[in-house]
């Protein structure tokens, strides 16, 4: 990552935080049931990922997502790289009434995946966020299925539902910990344009701060200068 504060956060984020995992597992089953989405959650699985590492398939086994056939239509919000708009809080009504879906495919095979055939009515991109899944840890915008779904839920006002989904993974807590500031910024926006504006302002600010830190570090410290001793 180019932005130093993101790097620092990554270094301080433990993927195997056993204490956090225990704290999450201690939550009552009643609270968990309350956080289960009332709206449909689905995915298209193009069988391009390692089944043992695929977060989407794990969610499917837990009945937290419905698997769609390649040509099956979904009328809710669809997270796909072919979209022209960014997800925003204004999409809450779509998620509430029609649900949210994600495309499960390998980032290395995006170009050969028939995404155009999905023809979603409400296709959406996700704004800048950093992945914390074990496969793409620390990489910007290369989120796993569960991270993408959780991000969309969080931004559209379904924070508890997002935490429920991320809580199904031992590393899940790190996603919100690392991206909390950005997620909160996006969740306070109004529409797609304001999300993009907030994203760009955040990135520009971090780049300026990084440049300032670099410039400051280029100057010699007082300990580097030698005093002339009188003889």
C-alpha atoms as a PDB file:
ATOM      1  CA  UNK A   1       0.000   0.000   0.000  1.00  0.00           C
ATOM      2  CA  UNK A   2       1.225   3.520  -0.723  1.00  0.00           C
ATOM      3  CA  UNK A   3      -0.520   5.173   2.199  1.00  0.00           C
ATOM      4  CA  UNK A   4       1.544   4.797   5.350  1.00  0.00           C
ATOM      5  CA  UNK A   5      -1.351   4.891   7.806  1.00  0.00           C
ATOM      6  CA  UNK A   6      -2.977   1.930   6.056  1.00  0.00           C
ATOM      7  CA  UNK A   7       0.317   0.064   6.279  1.00  0.00           C
ATOM      8  CA  UNK A   8       0.539   0.845   9.994  1.00  0.00           C
ATOM      9  CA  UNK A   9      -3.000  -0.373  10.564  1.00  0.00           C
ATOM     10  CA  UNK A  10      -2.271  -3.568   8.663  1.00  0.00           C
ATOM     11  CA  UNK A  11       0.784  -4.222  10.793  1.00  0.00           C
ATOM     12  CA  UNK A  12      -1.273  -3.793  13.953  1.00  0.00           C
ATOM     13  CA  UNK A  13      -4.152  -5.972  12.791  1.00  0.00           C
ATOM     14  CA  UNK A  14      -3.988  -9.611  13.865  1.00  0.00           C
ATOM     15  CA  UNK A  15      -5.769 -12.054  11.580  1.00  0.00           C
ATOM     16  CA  UNK A  16      -5.846 -14.634  14.355  1.00  0.00           C
ATOM     17  CA  UNK A  17      -7.049 -12.534  17.242  1.00  0.00           C
ATOM     18  CA  UNK A  18      -8.203 -15.336  19.519  1.00  0.00           C
ATOM     19  CA  UNK A  19      -9.472 -12.969  22.187  1.00  0.00           C
ATOM     20  CA  UNK A  20     -11.662 -11.127  19.721  1.00  0.00           C
ATOM     21  CA  UNK A  21     -12.930 -14.435  18.357  1.00  0.00           C
ATOM     22  CA  UNK A  22     -13.876 -15.620  21.825  1.00  0.00           C
ATOM     23  CA  UNK A  23     -15.629 -12.348  22.569  1.00  0.00           C
ATOM     24  CA  UNK A  24     -17.612 -12.624  19.359  1.00  0.00           C
ATOM     25  CA  UNK A  25     -18.591 -16.234  20.013  1.00  0.00           C
ATOM     26  CA  UNK A  26     -19.862 -15.279  23.469  1.00  0.00           C
ATOM     27  CA  UNK A  27     -22.669 -13.218  21.922  1.00  0.00           C
ATOM     28  CA  UNK A  28     -26.092 -14.697  22.555  1.00  0.00           C
ATOM     29  CA  UNK A  29     -27.854 -16.664  19.842  1.00  0.00           C
ATOM     30  CA  UNK A  30     -30.786 -14.301  20.266  1.00  0.00           C
ATOM     31  CA  UNK A  31     -28.681 -11.310  19.250  1.00  0.00           C
ATOM     32  CA  UNK A  32     -27.368 -13.243  16.247  1.00  0.00           C
ATOM     33  CA  UNK A  33     -30.873 -14.120  15.099  1.00  0.00           C
ATOM     34  CA  UNK A  34     -31.841 -10.458  15.296  1.00  0.00           C
ATOM     35  CA  UNK A  35     -28.975  -9.572  12.946  1.00  0.00           C
ATOM     36  CA  UNK A  36     -29.878 -12.101  10.243  1.00  0.00           C
ATOM     37  CA  UNK A  37     -30.973 -10.054   7.199  1.00  0.00           C
ATOM     38  CA  UNK A  38     -34.671  -9.880   6.386  1.00  0.00           C
ATOM     39  CA  UNK A  39     -33.698  -9.351   2.750  1.00  0.00           C
ATOM     40  CA  UNK A  40     -32.311 -11.842   0.199  1.00  0.00           C
ATOM     41  CA  UNK A  41     -28.533 -12.321   0.073  1.00  0.00           C
ATOM     42  CA  UNK A  42     -27.226 -14.191  -2.962  1.00  0.00           C
ATOM     43  CA  UNK A  43     -24.196 -14.893  -5.144  1.00  0.00           C
ATOM     44  CA  UNK A  44     -23.213 -16.248  -8.529  1.00  0.00           C
ATOM     45  CA  UNK A  45     -20.439 -18.820  -8.155  1.00  0.00           C
ATOM     46  CA  UNK A  46     -18.292 -19.244 -11.284  1.00  0.00           C
ATOM     47  CA  UNK A  47     -16.166 -21.980  -9.650  1.00  0.00           C
ATOM     48  CA  UNK A  48     -12.906 -20.090 -10.074  1.00  0.00           C
ATOM     49  CA  UNK A  49     -11.822 -19.908  -6.439  1.00  0.00           C
ATOM     50  CA  UNK A  50     -10.236 -22.449  -4.122  1.00  0.00           C
ATOM     51  CA  UNK A  51     -13.248 -24.102  -2.404  1.00  0.00           C
ATOM     52  CA  UNK A  52     -11.324 -24.307   0.865  1.00  0.00           C
ATOM     53  CA  UNK A  53     -10.654 -20.546   0.866  1.00  0.00           C
ATOM     54  CA  UNK A  54     -13.884 -19.299  -0.708  1.00  0.00           C
ATOM     55  CA  UNK A  55     -15.825 -17.146   1.744  1.00  0.00           C
ATOM     56  CA  UNK A  56     -18.900 -17.262  -0.476  1.00  0.00           C
ATOM     57  CA  UNK A  57     -19.122 -21.036  -0.365  1.00  0.00           C
ATOM     58  CA  UNK A  58     -18.735 -21.018   3.393  1.00  0.00           C
ATOM     59  CA  UNK A  59     -21.643 -18.581   3.651  1.00  0.00           C
ATOM     60  CA  UNK A  60     -23.663 -20.853   1.344  1.00  0.00           C
ATOM     61  CA  UNK A  61     -22.975 -23.857   3.578  1.00  0.00           C
ATOM     62  CA  UNK A  62     -24.255 -21.803   6.503  1.00  0.00           C
ATOM     63  CA  UNK A  63     -27.383 -20.836   4.556  1.00  0.00           C
ATOM     64  CA  UNK A  64     -26.394 -17.175   4.716  1.00  0.00           C
ATOM     65  CA  UNK A  65     -26.355 -16.763   0.934  1.00  0.00           C
ATOM     66  CA  UNK A  66     -28.385 -18.313  -1.856  1.00  0.00           C
ATOM     67  CA  UNK A  67     -26.414 -19.606  -4.834  1.00  0.00           C
ATOM     68  CA  UNK A  68     -27.696 -18.407  -8.201  1.00  0.00           C
ATOM     69  CA  UNK A  69     -27.299 -20.095 -11.567  1.00  0.00           C
ATOM     70  CA  UNK A  70     -25.106 -18.246 -14.124  1.00  0.00           C
ATOM     71  CA  UNK A  71     -28.059 -16.902 -16.105  1.00  0.00           C
ATOM     72  CA  UNK A  72     -30.425 -16.469 -13.177  1.00  0.00           C
ATOM     73  CA  UNK A  73     -31.620 -12.904 -12.658  1.00  0.00           C
ATOM     74  CA  UNK A  74     -31.483 -11.064  -9.357  1.00  0.00           C
ATOM     75  CA  UNK A  75     -33.564  -7.929  -8.946  1.00  0.00           C
ATOM     76  CA  UNK A  76     -31.753  -6.441  -5.965  1.00  0.00           C
ATOM     77  CA  UNK A  77     -28.423  -4.645  -5.640  1.00  0.00           C
ATOM     78  CA  UNK A  78     -25.637  -6.530  -7.423  1.00  0.00           C
ATOM     79  CA  UNK A  79     -21.970  -5.961  -6.611  1.00  0.00           C
ATOM     80  CA  UNK A  80     -20.125  -6.378  -9.904  1.00  0.00           C
ATOM     81  CA  UNK A  81     -17.043  -4.868 -11.615  1.00  0.00           C
ATOM     82  CA  UNK A  82     -19.176  -4.052 -14.671  1.00  0.00           C
ATOM     83  CA  UNK A  83     -21.357  -1.567 -12.775  1.00  0.00           C
ATOM     84  CA  UNK A  84     -21.325   2.159 -13.500  1.00  0.00           C
ATOM     85  CA  UNK A  85     -22.435   3.450 -10.084  1.00  0.00           C
ATOM     86  CA  UNK A  86     -21.005   3.106  -6.603  1.00  0.00           C
ATOM     87  CA  UNK A  87     -23.032   1.672  -3.724  1.00  0.00           C
ATOM     88  CA  UNK A  88     -24.294   4.362  -1.345  1.00  0.00           C
ATOM     89  CA  UNK A  89     -26.778   4.895   1.496  1.00  0.00           C
ATOM     90  CA  UNK A  90     -29.392   5.822  -1.115  1.00  0.00           C
ATOM     91  CA  UNK A  91     -29.429   2.129  -2.083  1.00  0.00           C
ATOM     92  CA  UNK A  92     -30.890   1.103   1.267  1.00  0.00           C
ATOM     93  CA  UNK A  93     -34.416   0.846  -0.155  1.00  0.00           C
ATOM     94  CA  UNK A  94     -33.215  -1.542  -2.880  1.00  0.00           C
ATOM     95  CA  UNK A  95     -31.406  -3.728  -0.356  1.00  0.00           C
ATOM     96  CA  UNK A  96     -34.318  -3.668   2.071  1.00  0.00           C
ATOM     97  CA  UNK A  97     -36.912  -4.788  -0.470  1.00  0.00           C
ATOM     98  CA  UNK A  98     -34.916  -6.777  -3.022  1.00  0.00           C
ATOM     99  CA  UNK A  99     -31.669  -7.783  -1.314  1.00  0.00           C
ATOM    100  CA  UNK A 100     -28.001  -7.791  -2.277  1.00  0.00           C
ATOM    101  CA  UNK A 101     -25.917 -10.186  -4.365  1.00  0.00           C
ATOM    102  CA  UNK A 102     -22.257 -10.614  -5.205  1.00  0.00           C
ATOM    103  CA  UNK A 103     -20.287 -12.246  -8.003  1.00  0.00           C
ATOM    104  CA  UNK A 104     -17.921 -14.941  -6.748  1.00  0.00           C
ATOM    105  CA  UNK A 105     -15.039 -15.196  -9.198  1.00  0.00           C
ATOM    106  CA  UNK A 106     -11.262 -14.994  -9.199  1.00  0.00           C
ATOM    107  CA  UNK A 107      -9.738 -11.515  -9.519  1.00  0.00           C
ATOM    108  CA  UNK A 108      -7.196 -13.091 -11.865  1.00  0.00           C
ATOM    109  CA  UNK A 109      -9.981 -14.243 -14.197  1.00  0.00           C
ATOM    110  CA  UNK A 110     -12.234 -11.173 -14.308  1.00  0.00           C
ATOM    111  CA  UNK A 111     -11.730 -10.696 -18.045  1.00  0.00           C
ATOM    112  CA  UNK A 112     -12.857 -14.212 -18.881  1.00  0.00           C
ATOM    113  CA  UNK A 113     -15.882 -14.227 -16.575  1.00  0.00           C
ATOM    114  CA  UNK A 114     -19.248 -13.655 -18.352  1.00  0.00           C
ATOM    115  CA  UNK A 115     -20.283 -10.823 -16.057  1.00  0.00           C
ATOM    116  CA  UNK A 116     -22.175  -8.989 -18.801  1.00  0.00           C
ATOM    117  CA  UNK A 117     -24.635 -11.875 -19.035  1.00  0.00           C
ATOM    118  CA  UNK A 118     -25.921 -11.134 -15.536  1.00  0.00           C
ATOM    119  CA  UNK A 119     -27.550  -7.875 -16.679  1.00  0.00           C
ATOM    120  CA  UNK A 120     -28.319  -6.572 -13.191  1.00  0.00           C
ATOM    121  CA  UNK A 121     -30.969  -3.881 -12.799  1.00  0.00           C
ATOM    122  CA  UNK A 122     -29.032  -2.324  -9.940  1.00  0.00           C
ATOM    123  CA  UNK A 123     -25.338  -3.036 -10.528  1.00  0.00           C
ATOM    124  CA  UNK A 124     -22.977  -1.353  -8.084  1.00  0.00           C
ATOM    125  CA  UNK A 125     -19.267  -0.902  -7.508  1.00  0.00           C
ATOM    126  CA  UNK A 126     -17.707  -0.707  -4.072  1.00  0.00           C
ATOM    127  CA  UNK A 127     -15.621   2.336  -3.105  1.00  0.00           C
ATOM    128  CA  UNK A 128     -12.008   2.139  -1.951  1.00  0.00           C
ATOM    129  CA  UNK A 129     -11.594  -0.377   0.869  1.00  0.00           C
ATOM    130  CA  UNK A 130      -8.703  -2.631   1.839  1.00  0.00           C
ATOM    131  CA  UNK A 131      -9.053  -6.420   1.897  1.00  0.00           C
ATOM    132  CA  UNK A 132      -8.128  -8.317   5.046  1.00  0.00           C
ATOM    133  CA  UNK A 133      -8.979 -11.811   3.840  1.00  0.00           C
ATOM    134  CA  UNK A 134      -5.997 -14.232   3.897  1.00  0.00           C
ATOM    135  CA  UNK A 135      -5.797 -14.465   0.087  1.00  0.00           C
ATOM    136  CA  UNK A 136      -5.609 -10.726  -0.711  1.00  0.00           C
ATOM    137  CA  UNK A 137      -4.626  -9.318   2.664  1.00  0.00           C
ATOM    138  CA  UNK A 138      -3.649  -5.664   2.442  1.00  0.00           C
ATOM    139  CA  UNK A 139      -4.664  -5.221  -1.192  1.00  0.00           C
ATOM    140  CA  UNK A 140      -6.992  -2.342  -2.035  1.00  0.00           C
ATOM    141  CA  UNK A 141     -10.355  -3.165  -3.621  1.00  0.00           C
ATOM    142  CA  UNK A 142      -9.736  -6.925  -3.900  1.00  0.00           C
ATOM    143  CA  UNK A 143     -12.390  -7.943  -1.411  1.00  0.00           C
ATOM    144  CA  UNK A 144     -13.685 -11.440  -0.840  1.00  0.00           C
ATOM    145  CA  UNK A 145     -17.395 -12.200  -1.213  1.00  0.00           C
ATOM    146  CA  UNK A 146     -18.117 -11.789   2.479  1.00  0.00           C
ATOM    147  CA  UNK A 147     -16.147  -8.529   2.658  1.00  0.00           C
ATOM    148  CA  UNK A 148     -18.029  -7.158  -0.346  1.00  0.00           C
ATOM    149  CA  UNK A 149     -21.419  -8.128   1.057  1.00  0.00           C
ATOM    150  CA  UNK A 150     -20.556  -6.780   4.494  1.00  0.00           C
ATOM    151  CA  UNK A 151     -19.300  -3.497   3.029  1.00  0.00           C
ATOM    152  CA  UNK A 152     -22.514  -3.022   1.054  1.00  0.00           C
ATOM    153  CA  UNK A 153     -24.600  -3.802   4.117  1.00  0.00           C
ATOM    154  CA  UNK A 154     -22.582  -1.426   6.294  1.00  0.00           C
ATOM    155  CA  UNK A 155     -22.768   1.452   3.818  1.00  0.00           C
ATOM    156  CA  UNK A 156     -26.523   1.034   3.340  1.00  0.00           C
ATOM    157  CA  UNK A 157     -27.157   1.082   7.071  1.00  0.00           C
ATOM    158  CA  UNK A 158     -27.157  -2.605   7.960  1.00  0.00           C
ATOM    159  CA  UNK A 159     -24.149  -2.588  10.275  1.00  0.00           C
ATOM    160  CA  UNK A 160     -25.245  -5.402  12.570  1.00  0.00           C
ATOM    161  CA  UNK A 161     -25.942  -7.645   9.613  1.00  0.00           C
ATOM    162  CA  UNK A 162     -22.496  -6.813   8.223  1.00  0.00           C
ATOM    163  CA  UNK A 163     -20.875  -7.742  11.537  1.00  0.00           C
ATOM    164  CA  UNK A 164     -22.815 -10.993  11.686  1.00  0.00           C
ATOM    165  CA  UNK A 165     -21.439 -12.050   8.295  1.00  0.00           C
ATOM    166  CA  UNK A 166     -17.853 -11.013   9.061  1.00  0.00           C
ATOM    167  CA  UNK A 167     -18.108 -12.701  12.449  1.00  0.00           C
ATOM    168  CA  UNK A 168     -18.358 -16.086  10.739  1.00  0.00           C
ATOM    169  CA  UNK A 169     -14.643 -15.870   9.887  1.00  0.00           C
ATOM    170  CA  UNK A 170     -11.725 -15.927  12.311  1.00  0.00           C
ATOM    171  CA  UNK A 171     -10.161 -12.971  10.482  1.00  0.00           C
ATOM    172  CA  UNK A 172     -13.452 -11.145   9.972  1.00  0.00           C
ATOM    173  CA  UNK A 173     -13.007  -8.640  12.800  1.00  0.00           C
ATOM    174  CA  UNK A 174      -9.983  -7.140  11.053  1.00  0.00           C
ATOM    175  CA  UNK A 175     -12.039  -5.932   8.075  1.00  0.00           C
ATOM    176  CA  UNK A 176     -14.063  -3.431  10.069  1.00  0.00           C
ATOM    177  CA  UNK A 177     -11.117  -2.547  12.304  1.00  0.00           C
ATOM    178  CA  UNK A 178      -8.990  -1.559   9.321  1.00  0.00           C
ATOM    179  CA  UNK A 179     -11.727   0.089   7.251  1.00  0.00           C
ATOM    180  CA  UNK A 180     -13.944   1.567   9.991  1.00  0.00           C
ATOM    181  CA  UNK A 181     -13.068   5.201   9.256  1.00  0.00           C
ATOM    182  CA  UNK A 182     -13.821   4.794   5.555  1.00  0.00           C
ATOM    183  CA  UNK A 183     -16.965   2.752   6.131  1.00  0.00           C
ATOM    184  CA  UNK A 184     -18.316   5.408   8.466  1.00  0.00           C
ATOM    185  CA  UNK A 185     -17.482   8.142   5.965  1.00  0.00           C
ATOM    186  CA  UNK A 186     -19.308   6.300   3.189  1.00  0.00           C
ATOM    187  CA  UNK A 187     -22.276   5.518   5.448  1.00  0.00           C
ATOM    188  CA  UNK A 188     -22.730   9.254   6.102  1.00  0.00           C
ATOM    189  CA  UNK A 189     -22.877  10.112   2.414  1.00  0.00           C
ATOM    190  CA  UNK A 190     -26.098  10.630   0.483  1.00  0.00           C
ATOM    191  CA  UNK A 191     -25.604   9.148  -2.967  1.00  0.00           C
ATOM    192  CA  UNK A 192     -23.088   7.550  -5.304  1.00  0.00           C
ATOM    193  CA  UNK A 193     -21.474  10.856  -6.292  1.00  0.00           C
ATOM    194  CA  UNK A 194     -20.907  11.887  -2.695  1.00  0.00           C
ATOM    195  CA  UNK A 195     -19.350   8.488  -1.913  1.00  0.00           C
ATOM    196  CA  UNK A 196     -16.908   8.872  -4.798  1.00  0.00           C
ATOM    197  CA  UNK A 197     -16.111  12.419  -3.698  1.00  0.00           C
ATOM    198  CA  UNK A 198     -15.501  11.283  -0.111  1.00  0.00           C
ATOM    199  CA  UNK A 199     -13.320   8.421  -1.346  1.00  0.00           C
ATOM    200  CA  UNK A 200     -11.164  10.718  -3.484  1.00  0.00           C
ATOM    201  CA  UNK A 201     -10.823  13.299  -0.709  1.00  0.00           C
ATOM    202  CA  UNK A 202      -9.734  10.603   1.728  1.00  0.00           C
ATOM    203  CA  UNK A 203      -7.123   9.193  -0.655  1.00  0.00           C
ATOM    204  CA  UNK A 204      -5.803  12.661  -1.508  1.00  0.00           C
ATOM    205  CA  UNK A 205      -5.562  13.563   2.179  1.00  0.00           C
ATOM    206  CA  UNK A 206      -3.636  10.392   2.990  1.00  0.00           C
ATOM    207  CA  UNK A 207      -1.296  10.952   0.058  1.00  0.00           C
ATOM    208  CA  UNK A 208      -0.593  14.516   1.210  1.00  0.00           C
ATOM    209  CA  UNK A 209       0.100  13.336   4.738  1.00  0.00           C
ATOM    210  CA  UNK A 210       2.423  10.661   3.432  1.00  0.00           C
ATOM    211  CA  UNK A 211       4.317  13.229   1.366  1.00  0.00           C
ATOM    212  CA  UNK A 212       4.577  15.509   4.393  1.00  0.00           C
ATOM    213  CA  UNK A 213       5.949  12.687   6.511  1.00  0.00           C
ATOM    214  CA  UNK A 214       8.445  11.810   3.791  1.00  0.00           C
ATOM    215  CA  UNK A 215       9.565  15.430   3.455  1.00  0.00           C
ATOM    216  CA  UNK A 216       9.970  15.761   7.211  1.00  0.00           C
ATOM    217  CA  UNK A 217      11.979  12.565   7.438  1.00  0.00           C
ATOM    218  CA  UNK A 218      14.370  13.866   4.771  1.00  0.00           C
ATOM    219  CA  UNK A 219      15.575  16.649   7.070  1.00  0.00           C
ATOM    220  CA  UNK A 220      18.453  15.751   9.413  1.00  0.00           C
ATOM    221  CA  UNK A 221      17.553  15.576  13.080  1.00  0.00           C
ATOM    222  CA  UNK A 222      19.323  17.688  15.668  1.00  0.00           C
ATOM    223  CA  UNK A 223      21.308  14.651  16.764  1.00  0.00           C
ATOM    224  CA  UNK A 224      22.712  14.311  13.251  1.00  0.00           C
ATOM    225  CA  UNK A 225      24.449  17.710  13.361  1.00  0.00           C
ATOM    226  CA  UNK A 226      27.806  17.807  15.107  1.00  0.00           C
ATOM    227  CA  UNK A 227      28.693  20.676  17.388  1.00  0.00           C
ATOM    228  CA  UNK A 228      32.019  22.372  16.924  1.00  0.00           C
ATOM    229  CA  UNK A 229      34.051  21.987  20.096  1.00  0.00           C
ATOM    230  CA  UNK A 230      36.303  24.847  21.139  1.00  0.00           C
ATOM    231  CA  UNK A 231      39.866  23.765  21.628  1.00  0.00           C
END
